[in-house]
Amino acid sequence: IVFLTVADVFLRLFKLPIEGTYEIVSMLGAVVIGFAIPQTTI
């Protein structure tokens, strides 16, 4: 998520946004939250 967001912001300076960044970040955000819950409990 961090690398994709930084790359997208940087490439937008050159008018070359990464297509689908919002979708990928949304899906990865669900993975981050969901997959971290059990370890957080431990």
PDB file of all heavy atoms in Angstrom:
ATOM      1  N   ILE A   1       0.838  -1.205   0.000  1.00  0.00           N
ATOM      2  CA  ILE A   1       0.000   0.000   0.000  1.00  0.00           C
ATOM      3  C   ILE A   1       0.868   1.249   0.000  1.00  0.00           C
ATOM      4  O   ILE A   1       0.633   2.186  -0.770  1.00  0.00           O
ATOM      5  CB  ILE A   1      -0.950   0.015   1.218  1.00  0.00           C
ATOM      6  CG1 ILE A   1      -2.057  -1.008   1.047  1.00  0.00           C
ATOM      7  CG2 ILE A   1      -1.546   1.401   1.437  1.00  0.00           C
ATOM      8  CD1 ILE A   1      -2.920  -1.199   2.274  1.00  0.00           C
ATOM      9  N   VAL A   2       1.890   1.253   0.848  1.00  0.00           N
ATOM     10  CA  VAL A   2       2.763   2.425   0.948  1.00  0.00           C
ATOM     11  C   VAL A   2       3.483   2.667  -0.370  1.00  0.00           C
ATOM     12  O   VAL A   2       3.478   3.791  -0.906  1.00  0.00           O
ATOM     13  CB  VAL A   2       3.770   2.258   2.110  1.00  0.00           C
ATOM     14  CG1 VAL A   2       4.834   3.347   2.068  1.00  0.00           C
ATOM     15  CG2 VAL A   2       3.052   2.259   3.442  1.00  0.00           C
ATOM     16  N   PHE A   3       4.092   1.613  -0.920  1.00  0.00           N
ATOM     17  CA  PHE A   3       4.829   1.789  -2.174  1.00  0.00           C
ATOM     18  C   PHE A   3       3.905   2.197  -3.321  1.00  0.00           C
ATOM     19  O   PHE A   3       4.247   3.069  -4.116  1.00  0.00           O
ATOM     20  CB  PHE A   3       5.599   0.519  -2.536  1.00  0.00           C
ATOM     21  CG  PHE A   3       6.884   0.365  -1.781  1.00  0.00           C
ATOM     22  CD1 PHE A   3       7.125  -0.778  -1.054  1.00  0.00           C
ATOM     23  CD2 PHE A   3       7.844   1.362  -1.784  1.00  0.00           C
ATOM     24  CE1 PHE A   3       8.302  -0.931  -0.344  1.00  0.00           C
ATOM     25  CE2 PHE A   3       9.026   1.226  -1.082  1.00  0.00           C
ATOM     26  CZ  PHE A   3       9.260   0.081  -0.362  1.00  0.00           C
ATOM     27  N   LEU A   4       2.749   1.579  -3.402  1.00  0.00           N
ATOM     28  CA  LEU A   4       1.817   1.905  -4.477  1.00  0.00           C
ATOM     29  C   LEU A   4       1.327   3.342  -4.357  1.00  0.00           C
ATOM     30  O   LEU A   4       1.264   4.069  -5.359  1.00  0.00           O
ATOM     31  CB  LEU A   4       0.637   0.937  -4.452  1.00  0.00           C
ATOM     32  CG  LEU A   4      -0.400   1.111  -5.555  1.00  0.00           C
ATOM     33  CD1 LEU A   4       0.228   0.919  -6.925  1.00  0.00           C
ATOM     34  CD2 LEU A   4      -1.546   0.138  -5.348  1.00  0.00           C
ATOM     35  N   THR A   5       1.019   3.769  -3.153  1.00  0.00           N
ATOM     36  CA  THR A   5       0.532   5.140  -2.949  1.00  0.00           C
ATOM     37  C   THR A   5       1.615   6.150  -3.279  1.00  0.00           C
ATOM     38  O   THR A   5       1.360   7.149  -3.970  1.00  0.00           O
ATOM     39  CB  THR A   5       0.043   5.323  -1.501  1.00  0.00           C
ATOM     40  OG1 THR A   5      -0.968   4.350  -1.232  1.00  0.00           O
ATOM     41  CG2 THR A   5      -0.515   6.710  -1.282  1.00  0.00           C
ATOM     42  N   VAL A   6       2.821   5.911  -2.795  1.00  0.00           N
ATOM     43  CA  VAL A   6       3.929   6.839  -3.083  1.00  0.00           C
ATOM     44  C   VAL A   6       4.207   6.882  -4.583  1.00  0.00           C
ATOM     45  O   VAL A   6       4.383   7.969  -5.159  1.00  0.00           O
ATOM     46  CB  VAL A   6       5.192   6.437  -2.288  1.00  0.00           C
ATOM     47  CG1 VAL A   6       6.411   7.216  -2.764  1.00  0.00           C
ATOM     48  CG2 VAL A   6       4.969   6.669  -0.799  1.00  0.00           C
ATOM     49  N   ALA A   7       4.235   5.721  -5.227  1.00  0.00           N
ATOM     50  CA  ALA A   7       4.498   5.686  -6.669  1.00  0.00           C
ATOM     51  C   ALA A   7       3.398   6.415  -7.438  1.00  0.00           C
ATOM     52  O   ALA A   7       3.680   7.165  -8.382  1.00  0.00           O
ATOM     53  CB  ALA A   7       4.615   4.239  -7.138  1.00  0.00           C
ATOM     54  N   ASP A   8       2.160   6.213  -7.035  1.00  0.00           N
ATOM     55  CA  ASP A   8       1.052   6.874  -7.721  1.00  0.00           C
ATOM     56  C   ASP A   8       1.137   8.386  -7.566  1.00  0.00           C
ATOM     57  O   ASP A   8       0.969   9.130  -8.546  1.00  0.00           O
ATOM     58  CB  ASP A   8      -0.282   6.349  -7.187  1.00  0.00           C
ATOM     59  CG  ASP A   8      -1.465   6.904  -7.951  1.00  0.00           C
ATOM     60  OD1 ASP A   8      -1.447   6.830  -9.201  1.00  0.00           O
ATOM     61  OD2 ASP A   8      -2.418   7.401  -7.313  1.00  0.00           O
ATOM     62  N   VAL A   9       1.412   8.852  -6.347  1.00  0.00           N
ATOM     63  CA  VAL A   9       1.524  10.301  -6.122  1.00  0.00           C
ATOM     64  C   VAL A   9       2.690  10.867  -6.924  1.00  0.00           C
ATOM     65  O   VAL A   9       2.577  11.916  -7.573  1.00  0.00           O
ATOM     66  CB  VAL A   9       1.682  10.605  -4.612  1.00  0.00           C
ATOM     67  CG1 VAL A   9       2.069  12.060  -4.384  1.00  0.00           C
ATOM     68  CG2 VAL A   9       0.395  10.266  -3.870  1.00  0.00           C
ATOM     69  N   PHE A  10       3.815  10.175  -6.928  1.00  0.00           N
ATOM     70  CA  PHE A  10       4.985  10.651  -7.670  1.00  0.00           C
ATOM     71  C   PHE A  10       4.712  10.678  -9.174  1.00  0.00           C
ATOM     72  O   PHE A  10       5.037  11.652  -9.854  1.00  0.00           O
ATOM     73  CB  PHE A  10       6.198   9.763  -7.360  1.00  0.00           C
ATOM     74  CG  PHE A  10       7.443  10.187  -8.072  1.00  0.00           C
ATOM     75  CD1 PHE A  10       8.140  11.315  -7.674  1.00  0.00           C
ATOM     76  CD2 PHE A  10       7.915   9.458  -9.154  1.00  0.00           C
ATOM     77  CE1 PHE A  10       9.282  11.710  -8.330  1.00  0.00           C
ATOM     78  CE2 PHE A  10       9.058   9.838  -9.825  1.00  0.00           C
ATOM     79  CZ  PHE A  10       9.748  10.982  -9.420  1.00  0.00           C
ATOM     80  N   LEU A  11       4.124   9.621  -9.687  1.00  0.00           N
ATOM     81  CA  LEU A  11       3.862   9.557 -11.121  1.00  0.00           C
ATOM     82  C   LEU A  11       2.782  10.539 -11.560  1.00  0.00           C
ATOM     83  O   LEU A  11       2.754  10.952 -12.723  1.00  0.00           O
ATOM     84  CB  LEU A  11       3.492   8.131 -11.529  1.00  0.00           C
ATOM     85  CG  LEU A  11       4.652   7.140 -11.479  1.00  0.00           C
ATOM     86  CD1 LEU A  11       4.163   5.730 -11.754  1.00  0.00           C
ATOM     87  CD2 LEU A  11       5.748   7.540 -12.462  1.00  0.00           C
ATOM     88  N   ARG A  12       1.912  10.935 -10.653  1.00  0.00           N
ATOM     89  CA  ARG A  12       0.900  11.940 -10.995  1.00  0.00           C
ATOM     90  C   ARG A  12       1.551  13.292 -11.298  1.00  0.00           C
ATOM     91  O   ARG A  12       0.984  14.092 -12.039  1.00  0.00           O
ATOM     92  CB  ARG A  12      -0.118  12.090  -9.870  1.00  0.00           C
ATOM     93  CG  ARG A  12      -1.140  10.975  -9.856  1.00  0.00           C
ATOM     94  CD  ARG A  12      -2.162  11.150  -8.752  1.00  0.00           C
ATOM     95  NE  ARG A  12      -2.999   9.979  -8.654  1.00  0.00           N
ATOM     96  CZ  ARG A  12      -4.126   9.808  -9.337  1.00  0.00           C
ATOM     97  NH1 ARG A  12      -4.539  10.754 -10.159  1.00  0.00           N
ATOM     98  NH2 ARG A  12      -4.829   8.709  -9.204  1.00  0.00           N
ATOM     99  N   LEU A  13       2.740  13.515 -10.737  1.00  0.00           N
ATOM    100  CA  LEU A  13       3.451  14.756 -11.068  1.00  0.00           C
ATOM    101  C   LEU A  13       3.779  14.816 -12.557  1.00  0.00           C
ATOM    102  O   LEU A  13       3.876  15.895 -13.145  1.00  0.00           O
ATOM    103  CB  LEU A  13       4.749  14.849 -10.252  1.00  0.00           C
ATOM    104  CG  LEU A  13       4.600  14.996  -8.738  1.00  0.00           C
ATOM    105  CD1 LEU A  13       5.955  14.903  -8.066  1.00  0.00           C
ATOM    106  CD2 LEU A  13       3.910  16.306  -8.401  1.00  0.00           C
ATOM    107  N   PHE A  14       3.953  13.651 -13.167  1.00  0.00           N
ATOM    108  CA  PHE A  14       4.266  13.563 -14.596  1.00  0.00           C
ATOM    109  C   PHE A  14       3.038  13.181 -15.430  1.00  0.00           C
ATOM    110  O   PHE A  14       3.157  12.746 -16.570  1.00  0.00           O
ATOM    111  CB  PHE A  14       5.390  12.535 -14.815  1.00  0.00           C
ATOM    112  CG  PHE A  14       6.632  12.850 -14.042  1.00  0.00           C
ATOM    113  CD1 PHE A  14       6.944  12.145 -12.895  1.00  0.00           C
ATOM    114  CD2 PHE A  14       7.480  13.875 -14.439  1.00  0.00           C
ATOM    115  CE1 PHE A  14       8.085  12.443 -12.173  1.00  0.00           C
ATOM    116  CE2 PHE A  14       8.624  14.172 -13.723  1.00  0.00           C
ATOM    117  CZ  PHE A  14       8.920  13.464 -12.584  1.00  0.00           C
ATOM    118  N   LYS A  15       1.863  13.310 -14.803  1.00  0.00           N
ATOM    119  CA  LYS A  15       0.591  12.983 -15.447  1.00  0.00           C
ATOM    120  C   LYS A  15       0.535  11.520 -15.906  1.00  0.00           C
ATOM    121  O   LYS A  15      -0.001  11.210 -16.965  1.00  0.00           O
ATOM    122  CB  LYS A  15       0.327  13.934 -16.616  1.00  0.00           C
ATOM    123  CG  LYS A  15       0.404  15.403 -16.238  1.00  0.00           C
ATOM    124  CD  LYS A  15      -0.760  16.170 -16.753  1.00  0.00           C
ATOM    125  CE  LYS A  15      -0.625  17.636 -16.483  1.00  0.00           C
ATOM    126  NZ  LYS A  15      -0.860  18.033 -15.152  1.00  0.00           N
ATOM    127  N   LEU A  16       1.100  10.625 -15.082  1.00  0.00           N
ATOM    128  CA  LEU A  16       1.092   9.186 -15.353  1.00  0.00           C
ATOM    129  C   LEU A  16       0.581   8.417 -14.127  1.00  0.00           C
ATOM    130  O   LEU A  16       1.311   7.623 -13.535  1.00  0.00           O
ATOM    131  CB  LEU A  16       2.508   8.696 -15.690  1.00  0.00           C
ATOM    132  CG  LEU A  16       3.165   9.264 -16.940  1.00  0.00           C
ATOM    133  CD1 LEU A  16       4.632   8.914 -16.969  1.00  0.00           C
ATOM    134  CD2 LEU A  16       2.454   8.741 -18.172  1.00  0.00           C
ATOM    135  N   PRO A  17      -0.668   8.643 -13.735  1.00  0.00           N
ATOM    136  CA  PRO A  17      -1.164   7.941 -12.534  1.00  0.00           C
ATOM    137  C   PRO A  17      -1.229   6.433 -12.777  1.00  0.00           C
ATOM    138  O   PRO A  17      -1.365   5.976 -13.912  1.00  0.00           O
ATOM    139  CB  PRO A  17      -2.554   8.532 -12.336  1.00  0.00           C
ATOM    140  CG  PRO A  17      -2.976   8.976 -13.690  1.00  0.00           C
ATOM    141  CD  PRO A  17      -1.717   9.419 -14.395  1.00  0.00           C
ATOM    142  N   ILE A  18      -1.141   5.680 -11.699  1.00  0.00           N
ATOM    143  CA  ILE A  18      -1.272   4.228 -11.786  1.00  0.00           C
ATOM    144  C   ILE A  18      -2.759   3.905 -11.758  1.00  0.00           C
ATOM    145  O   ILE A  18      -3.460   4.228 -10.795  1.00  0.00           O
ATOM    146  CB  ILE A  18      -0.534   3.542 -10.619  1.00  0.00           C
ATOM    147  CG1 ILE A  18       0.956   3.879 -10.668  1.00  0.00           C
ATOM    148  CG2 ILE A  18      -0.761   2.035 -10.663  1.00  0.00           C
ATOM    149  CD1 ILE A  18       1.730   3.397  -9.465  1.00  0.00           C
ATOM    150  N   GLU A  19      -3.213   3.264 -12.798  1.00  0.00           N
ATOM    151  CA  GLU A  19      -4.635   2.955 -12.920  1.00  0.00           C
ATOM    152  C   GLU A  19      -5.026   1.877 -11.912  1.00  0.00           C
ATOM    153  O   GLU A  19      -4.334   0.874 -11.758  1.00  0.00           O
ATOM    154  CB  GLU A  19      -4.949   2.472 -14.333  1.00  0.00           C
ATOM    155  CG  GLU A  19      -6.413   2.505 -14.657  1.00  0.00           C
ATOM    156  CD  GLU A  19      -6.669   2.307 -16.133  1.00  0.00           C
ATOM    157  OE1 GLU A  19      -5.902   2.846 -16.945  1.00  0.00           O
ATOM    158  OE2 GLU A  19      -7.639   1.614 -16.441  1.00  0.00           O
ATOM    159  N   GLY A  20      -6.135   2.103 -11.208  1.00  0.00           N
ATOM    160  CA  GLY A  20      -6.645   1.116 -10.266  1.00  0.00           C
ATOM    161  C   GLY A  20      -6.023   1.184  -8.889  1.00  0.00           C
ATOM    162  O   GLY A  20      -6.231   0.287  -8.066  1.00  0.00           O
ATOM    163  N   THR A  21      -5.289   2.241  -8.608  1.00  0.00           N
ATOM    164  CA  THR A  21      -4.638   2.359  -7.302  1.00  0.00           C
ATOM    165  C   THR A  21      -5.657   2.302  -6.169  1.00  0.00           C
ATOM    166  O   THR A  21      -5.456   1.598  -5.175  1.00  0.00           O
ATOM    167  CB  THR A  21      -3.833   3.668  -7.213  1.00  0.00           C
ATOM    168  OG1 THR A  21      -2.820   3.646  -8.216  1.00  0.00           O
ATOM    169  CG2 THR A  21      -3.194   3.835  -5.854  1.00  0.00           C
ATOM    170  N   TYR A  22      -6.759   3.012  -6.346  1.00  0.00           N
ATOM    171  CA  TYR A  22      -7.789   3.051  -5.302  1.00  0.00           C
ATOM    172  C   TYR A  22      -8.317   1.645  -5.013  1.00  0.00           C
ATOM    173  O   TYR A  22      -8.475   1.250  -3.858  1.00  0.00           O
ATOM    174  CB  TYR A  22      -8.918   3.993  -5.719  1.00  0.00           C
ATOM    175  CG  TYR A  22     -10.023   4.075  -4.704  1.00  0.00           C
ATOM    176  CD1 TYR A  22      -9.864   4.835  -3.550  1.00  0.00           C
ATOM    177  CD2 TYR A  22     -11.215   3.378  -4.885  1.00  0.00           C
ATOM    178  CE1 TYR A  22     -10.870   4.910  -2.605  1.00  0.00           C
ATOM    179  CE2 TYR A  22     -12.225   3.447  -3.945  1.00  0.00           C
ATOM    180  CZ  TYR A  22     -12.048   4.209  -2.808  1.00  0.00           C
ATOM    181  OH  TYR A  22     -13.038   4.264  -1.870  1.00  0.00           O
ATOM    182  N   GLU A  23      -8.568   0.867  -6.073  1.00  0.00           N
ATOM    183  CA  GLU A  23      -9.082  -0.493  -5.895  1.00  0.00           C
ATOM    184  C   GLU A  23      -8.081  -1.386  -5.172  1.00  0.00           C
ATOM    185  O   GLU A  23      -8.441  -2.125  -4.258  1.00  0.00           O
ATOM    186  CB  GLU A  23      -9.397  -1.119  -7.255  1.00  0.00           C
ATOM    187  CG  GLU A  23     -10.546  -0.487  -7.965  1.00  0.00           C
ATOM    188  CD  GLU A  23     -10.730  -1.059  -9.357  1.00  0.00           C
ATOM    189  OE1 GLU A  23      -9.946  -1.939  -9.768  1.00  0.00           O
ATOM    190  OE2 GLU A  23     -11.667  -0.628 -10.027  1.00  0.00           O
ATOM    191  N   ILE A  24      -6.847  -1.313  -5.598  1.00  0.00           N
ATOM    192  CA  ILE A  24      -5.814  -2.166  -4.997  1.00  0.00           C
ATOM    193  C   ILE A  24      -5.607  -1.798  -3.534  1.00  0.00           C
ATOM    194  O   ILE A  24      -5.525  -2.674  -2.669  1.00  0.00           O
ATOM    195  CB  ILE A  24      -4.492  -2.061  -5.788  1.00  0.00           C
ATOM    196  CG1 ILE A  24      -4.684  -2.595  -7.211  1.00  0.00           C
ATOM    197  CG2 ILE A  24      -3.379  -2.826  -5.087  1.00  0.00           C
ATOM    198  CD1 ILE A  24      -3.526  -2.310  -8.137  1.00  0.00           C
ATOM    199  N   VAL A  25      -5.528  -0.500  -3.256  1.00  0.00           N
ATOM    200  CA  VAL A  25      -5.334  -0.049  -1.878  1.00  0.00           C
ATOM    201  C   VAL A  25      -6.525  -0.452  -1.011  1.00  0.00           C
ATOM    202  O   VAL A  25      -6.350  -0.867   0.146  1.00  0.00           O
ATOM    203  CB  VAL A  25      -5.074   1.478  -1.833  1.00  0.00           C
ATOM    204  CG1 VAL A  25      -5.167   2.011  -0.421  1.00  0.00           C
ATOM    205  CG2 VAL A  25      -3.718   1.792  -2.434  1.00  0.00           C
ATOM    206  N   SER A  26      -7.726  -0.375  -1.544  1.00  0.00           N
ATOM    207  CA  SER A  26      -8.914  -0.779  -0.781  1.00  0.00           C
ATOM    208  C   SER A  26      -8.864  -2.259  -0.425  1.00  0.00           C
ATOM    209  O   SER A  26      -9.124  -2.649   0.716  1.00  0.00           O
ATOM    210  CB  SER A  26     -10.187  -0.488  -1.572  1.00  0.00           C
ATOM    211  OG  SER A  26     -10.325   0.878  -1.789  1.00  0.00           O
ATOM    212  N   MET A  27      -8.554  -3.092  -1.410  1.00  0.00           N
ATOM    213  CA  MET A  27      -8.483  -4.534  -1.149  1.00  0.00           C
ATOM    214  C   MET A  27      -7.343  -4.878  -0.191  1.00  0.00           C
ATOM    215  O   MET A  27      -7.513  -5.685   0.723  1.00  0.00           O
ATOM    216  CB  MET A  27      -8.316  -5.295  -2.460  1.00  0.00           C
ATOM    217  CG  MET A  27      -9.552  -5.313  -3.322  1.00  0.00           C
ATOM    218  SD  MET A  27      -9.279  -6.327  -4.782  1.00  0.00           S
ATOM    219  CE  MET A  27     -10.773  -6.034  -5.679  1.00  0.00           C
ATOM    220  N   LEU A  28      -6.193  -4.253  -0.406  1.00  0.00           N
ATOM    221  CA  LEU A  28      -5.064  -4.517   0.486  1.00  0.00           C
ATOM    222  C   LEU A  28      -5.340  -3.999   1.897  1.00  0.00           C
ATOM    223  O   LEU A  28      -4.875  -4.585   2.874  1.00  0.00           O
ATOM    224  CB  LEU A  28      -3.782  -3.894  -0.074  1.00  0.00           C
ATOM    225  CG  LEU A  28      -3.202  -4.571  -1.317  1.00  0.00           C
ATOM    226  CD1 LEU A  28      -1.991  -3.792  -1.823  1.00  0.00           C
ATOM    227  CD2 LEU A  28      -2.833  -6.013  -1.045  1.00  0.00           C
ATOM    228  N   GLY A  29      -6.104  -2.915   2.005  1.00  0.00           N
ATOM    229  CA  GLY A  29      -6.475  -2.399   3.326  1.00  0.00           C
ATOM    230  C   GLY A  29      -7.301  -3.407   4.102  1.00  0.00           C
ATOM    231  O   GLY A  29      -7.108  -3.604   5.311  1.00  0.00           O
ATOM    232  N   ALA A  30      -8.219  -4.073   3.415  1.00  0.00           N
ATOM    233  CA  ALA A  30      -9.015  -5.122   4.065  1.00  0.00           C
ATOM    234  C   ALA A  30      -8.114  -6.270   4.511  1.00  0.00           C
ATOM    235  O   ALA A  30      -8.290  -6.822   5.602  1.00  0.00           O
ATOM    236  CB  ALA A  30     -10.093  -5.626   3.112  1.00  0.00           C
ATOM    237  N   VAL A  31      -7.133  -6.606   3.686  1.00  0.00           N
ATOM    238  CA  VAL A  31      -6.187  -7.676   4.041  1.00  0.00           C
ATOM    239  C   VAL A  31      -5.369  -7.269   5.266  1.00  0.00           C
ATOM    240  O   VAL A  31      -5.192  -8.065   6.193  1.00  0.00           O
ATOM    241  CB  VAL A  31      -5.272  -8.017   2.842  1.00  0.00           C
ATOM    242  CG1 VAL A  31      -4.123  -8.919   3.258  1.00  0.00           C
ATOM    243  CG2 VAL A  31      -6.083  -8.656   1.720  1.00  0.00           C
ATOM    244  N   VAL A  32      -4.881  -6.042   5.275  1.00  0.00           N
ATOM    245  CA  VAL A  32      -4.071  -5.571   6.412  1.00  0.00           C
ATOM    246  C   VAL A  32      -4.861  -5.660   7.710  1.00  0.00           C
ATOM    247  O   VAL A  32      -4.381  -6.204   8.710  1.00  0.00           O
ATOM    248  CB  VAL A  32      -3.578  -4.122   6.181  1.00  0.00           C
ATOM    249  CG1 VAL A  32      -2.977  -3.538   7.449  1.00  0.00           C
ATOM    250  CG2 VAL A  32      -2.562  -4.080   5.055  1.00  0.00           C
ATOM    251  N   ILE A  33      -6.058  -5.144   7.701  1.00  0.00           N
ATOM    252  CA  ILE A  33      -6.859  -5.121   8.925  1.00  0.00           C
ATOM    253  C   ILE A  33      -7.247  -6.531   9.351  1.00  0.00           C
ATOM    254  O   ILE A  33      -7.028  -6.945  10.488  1.00  0.00           O
ATOM    255  CB  ILE A  33      -8.111  -4.239   8.742  1.00  0.00           C
ATOM    256  CG1 ILE A  33      -7.702  -2.782   8.573  1.00  0.00           C
ATOM    257  CG2 ILE A  33      -9.064  -4.391   9.917  1.00  0.00           C
ATOM    258  CD1 ILE A  33      -8.804  -1.872   8.099  1.00  0.00           C
ATOM    259  N   GLY A  34      -7.824  -7.274   8.434  1.00  0.00           N
ATOM    260  CA  GLY A  34      -8.307  -8.613   8.773  1.00  0.00           C
ATOM    261  C   GLY A  34      -7.201  -9.572   9.184  1.00  0.00           C
ATOM    262  O   GLY A  34      -7.325 -10.306  10.162  1.00  0.00           O
ATOM    263  N   PHE A  35      -6.101  -9.558   8.441  1.00  0.00           N
ATOM    264  CA  PHE A  35      -5.042 -10.522   8.697  1.00  0.00           C
ATOM    265  C   PHE A  35      -4.217 -10.184   9.944  1.00  0.00           C
ATOM    266  O   PHE A  35      -3.506 -11.045  10.462  1.00  0.00           O
ATOM    267  CB  PHE A  35      -4.123 -10.640   7.482  1.00  0.00           C
ATOM    268  CG  PHE A  35      -4.702 -11.461   6.357  1.00  0.00           C
ATOM    269  CD1 PHE A  35      -6.035 -11.339   5.981  1.00  0.00           C
ATOM    270  CD2 PHE A  35      -3.917 -12.347   5.655  1.00  0.00           C
ATOM    271  CE1 PHE A  35      -6.569 -12.090   4.945  1.00  0.00           C
ATOM    272  CE2 PHE A  35      -4.434 -13.102   4.618  1.00  0.00           C
ATOM    273  CZ  PHE A  35      -5.759 -12.971   4.262  1.00  0.00           C
ATOM    274  N   ALA A  36      -4.296  -8.950  10.419  1.00  0.00           N
ATOM    275  CA  ALA A  36      -3.527  -8.556  11.605  1.00  0.00           C
ATOM    276  C   ALA A  36      -4.289  -8.776  12.910  1.00  0.00           C
ATOM    277  O   ALA A  36      -3.690  -8.768  13.986  1.00  0.00           O
ATOM    278  CB  ALA A  36      -3.110  -7.092  11.497  1.00  0.00           C
ATOM    279  N   ILE A  37      -5.589  -9.000  12.841  1.00  0.00           N
ATOM    280  CA  ILE A  37      -6.399  -9.114  14.057  1.00  0.00           C
ATOM    281  C   ILE A  37      -5.957 -10.259  14.970  1.00  0.00           C
ATOM    282  O   ILE A  37      -5.772 -10.044  16.174  1.00  0.00           O
ATOM    283  CB  ILE A  37      -7.899  -9.209  13.708  1.00  0.00           C
ATOM    284  CG1 ILE A  37      -8.395  -7.868  13.199  1.00  0.00           C
ATOM    285  CG2 ILE A  37      -8.726  -9.645  14.907  1.00  0.00           C
ATOM    286  CD1 ILE A  37      -9.814  -7.896  12.673  1.00  0.00           C
ATOM    287  N   PRO A  38      -5.755 -11.482  14.470  1.00  0.00           N
ATOM    288  CA  PRO A  38      -5.365 -12.561  15.390  1.00  0.00           C
ATOM    289  C   PRO A  38      -4.032 -12.310  16.108  1.00  0.00           C
ATOM    290  O   PRO A  38      -3.921 -12.549  17.311  1.00  0.00           O
ATOM    291  CB  PRO A  38      -5.278 -13.794  14.478  1.00  0.00           C
ATOM    292  CG  PRO A  38      -6.177 -13.489  13.330  1.00  0.00           C
ATOM    293  CD  PRO A  38      -6.043 -12.017  13.125  1.00  0.00           C
ATOM    294  N   GLN A  39      -3.042 -11.802  15.390  1.00  0.00           N
ATOM    295  CA  GLN A  39      -1.743 -11.530  16.028  1.00  0.00           C
ATOM    296  C   GLN A  39      -1.877 -10.407  17.050  1.00  0.00           C
ATOM    297  O   GLN A  39      -1.253 -10.451  18.112  1.00  0.00           O
ATOM    298  CB  GLN A  39      -0.686 -11.179  14.976  1.00  0.00           C
ATOM    299  CG  GLN A  39       0.680 -10.909  15.550  1.00  0.00           C
ATOM    300  CD  GLN A  39       1.348 -12.130  16.150  1.00  0.00           C
ATOM    301  OE1 GLN A  39       1.057 -13.261  15.766  1.00  0.00           O
ATOM    302  NE2 GLN A  39       2.241 -11.925  17.086  1.00  0.00           N
ATOM    303  N   THR A  40      -2.690  -9.421  16.751  1.00  0.00           N
ATOM    304  CA  THR A  40      -2.918  -8.325  17.696  1.00  0.00           C
ATOM    305  C   THR A  40      -3.524  -8.858  18.985  1.00  0.00           C
ATOM    306  O   THR A  40      -3.167  -8.423  20.087  1.00  0.00           O
ATOM    307  CB  THR A  40      -3.830  -7.263  17.066  1.00  0.00           C
ATOM    308  OG1 THR A  40      -3.237  -6.814  15.854  1.00  0.00           O
ATOM    309  CG2 THR A  40      -4.027  -6.091  17.999  1.00  0.00           C
ATOM    310  N   THR A  41      -4.411  -9.829  18.872  1.00  0.00           N
ATOM    311  CA  THR A  41      -5.015 -10.437  20.058  1.00  0.00           C
ATOM    312  C   THR A  41      -3.966 -11.207  20.853  1.00  0.00           C
ATOM    313  O   THR A  41      -3.925 -11.117  22.084  1.00  0.00           O
ATOM    314  CB  THR A  41      -6.172 -11.366  19.652  1.00  0.00           C
ATOM    315  OG1 THR A  41      -7.155 -10.592  18.976  1.00  0.00           O
ATOM    316  CG2 THR A  41      -6.796 -12.028  20.872  1.00  0.00           C
ATOM    317  N   ILE A  42      -3.124 -11.958  20.171  1.00  0.00           N
ATOM    318  CA  ILE A  42      -2.074 -12.714  20.862  1.00  0.00           C
ATOM    319  C   ILE A  42      -1.134 -11.774  21.609  1.00  0.00           C
ATOM    320  O   ILE A  42      -0.742 -12.033  22.746  1.00  0.00           O
ATOM    321  CB  ILE A  42      -1.294 -13.606  19.870  1.00  0.00           C
ATOM    322  CG1 ILE A  42      -2.166 -14.784  19.444  1.00  0.00           C
ATOM    323  CG2 ILE A  42       0.009 -14.109  20.478  1.00  0.00           C
ATOM    324  CD1 ILE A  42      -1.556 -15.664  18.374  1.00  0.00           C
TER     325      ILE A  42
END
